[in-house]
C-alpha cells in the first residue's frame, strides 16, 4: 500500500508578518538555562578552505543579536549571526 503525502500552504492571513518574527522564531534555538554549559561553533573561509572554531562557555542569556557567556572566567558577547549552537 502506497502512502500519499500532501503539503499545505498556510493562508496568507495566518502567516506572521516579518516584523512580528524574532530570530528565535525561524532559527532552532534550544531552551537554555543560566549557568548551563553550552558549545558554540563559527565557520569561516580561510585561504579558500572552510575552517571552524568551537567555544565552550557558561550560558548567561541571549538577545536578538548576541549570546552572552562566561568563557574561561571572562564575560563574552558573541554575535549570533556568526555563532551557532554546537552539540
Protein backbone atom coordinates (compact mmCIF):
# COMPACT_ATOMS: atom_id res chain seq x y z
CA UNK A 1 0.00 0.00 0.00
CA UNK A 2 1.48 3.35 -1.03
CA UNK A 3 1.37 6.27 1.35
CA UNK A 4 0.45 9.61 0.00
CA UNK A 5 1.92 12.76 1.46
CA UNK A 6 0.45 16.16 0.87
CA UNK A 7 1.67 19.55 1.92
CA UNK A 8 -0.49 22.54 2.58
CA UNK A 9 0.39 26.18 2.40
CA UNK A 10 -0.80 28.33 5.29
CA UNK A 11 -3.29 31.03 4.46
CA UNK A 12 -1.66 34.41 3.97
CA UNK A 13 -3.66 35.95 6.82
CA UNK A 14 -2.35 33.32 9.27
CA UNK A 15 1.36 33.79 8.49
CA UNK A 16 3.10 36.26 10.81
CA UNK A 17 4.48 39.37 9.14
CA UNK A 18 8.30 39.51 9.09
CA UNK A 19 8.38 42.43 11.51
CA UNK A 20 6.48 40.25 14.03
CA UNK A 21 9.10 37.49 13.90
CA UNK A 22 12.21 37.26 16.02
CA UNK A 23 15.37 35.34 15.25
CA UNK A 24 14.25 32.54 17.57
CA UNK A 25 11.06 32.14 15.53
CA UNK A 26 12.91 30.90 12.46
CA UNK A 27 16.19 29.57 13.85
CA UNK A 28 16.15 26.48 16.04
CA UNK A 29 17.38 27.54 19.47
CA UNK A 30 17.08 25.11 22.36
CA UNK A 31 15.84 26.07 25.79
CA UNK A 32 18.92 27.10 27.75
CA UNK A 33 19.25 27.77 31.46
CA UNK A 34 21.53 30.33 33.04
CA UNK A 35 24.75 28.63 34.18
CA UNK A 36 24.37 25.72 31.74
CA UNK A 37 27.43 24.70 29.71
CA UNK A 38 26.95 25.47 26.04
CA UNK A 39 29.12 24.86 22.97
CA UNK A 40 29.06 27.27 20.04
CA UNK A 41 30.59 26.93 16.57
CA UNK A 42 31.66 29.51 14.00
CA UNK A 43 32.59 28.68 10.40
CA UNK A 44 34.94 30.82 8.32
CA UNK A 45 36.60 30.54 4.97
CA UNK A 46 40.38 30.93 5.23
CA UNK A 47 42.56 30.79 2.10
CA UNK A 48 39.73 29.15 0.16
CA UNK A 49 39.24 26.41 2.77
CA UNK A 50 36.49 26.18 5.36
CA UNK A 51 37.62 26.22 8.96
CA UNK A 52 35.70 26.20 12.22
CA UNK A 53 36.17 27.39 15.77
CA UNK A 54 34.29 25.99 18.73
CA UNK A 55 33.94 27.54 22.14
CA UNK A 56 32.63 26.15 25.43
CA UNK A 57 31.15 28.56 27.92
CA UNK A 58 28.63 29.08 30.67
CA UNK A 59 25.36 30.42 29.28
CA UNK A 60 24.10 33.70 30.76
CA UNK A 61 21.40 34.83 28.32
CA UNK A 62 20.80 35.91 24.73
CA UNK A 63 19.06 38.66 22.88
CA UNK A 64 18.32 39.20 19.20
CA UNK A 65 21.97 39.93 18.41
CA UNK A 66 24.29 38.26 20.93
CA UNK A 67 24.96 35.16 23.01
CA UNK A 68 26.17 36.21 26.47
CA UNK A 69 28.51 33.67 28.07
CA UNK A 70 31.27 33.32 30.60
CA UNK A 71 34.30 31.82 28.85
CA UNK A 72 37.30 30.87 30.99
CA UNK A 73 36.10 33.20 33.74
CA UNK A 74 35.55 36.19 31.44
CA UNK A 75 32.21 37.54 30.22
CA UNK A 76 31.84 37.39 26.44
CA UNK A 77 29.22 38.52 23.94
CA UNK A 78 29.26 36.55 20.70
CA UNK A 79 27.39 37.67 17.60
CA UNK A 80 24.53 35.24 16.91
CA UNK A 81 24.87 35.80 13.15
CA UNK A 82 28.36 34.22 13.41
CA UNK A 83 27.99 31.69 16.24
CA UNK A 84 25.55 28.75 16.42
CA UNK A 85 24.74 26.07 18.98
CA UNK A 86 27.04 23.08 18.55
CA UNK A 87 26.34 19.72 20.13
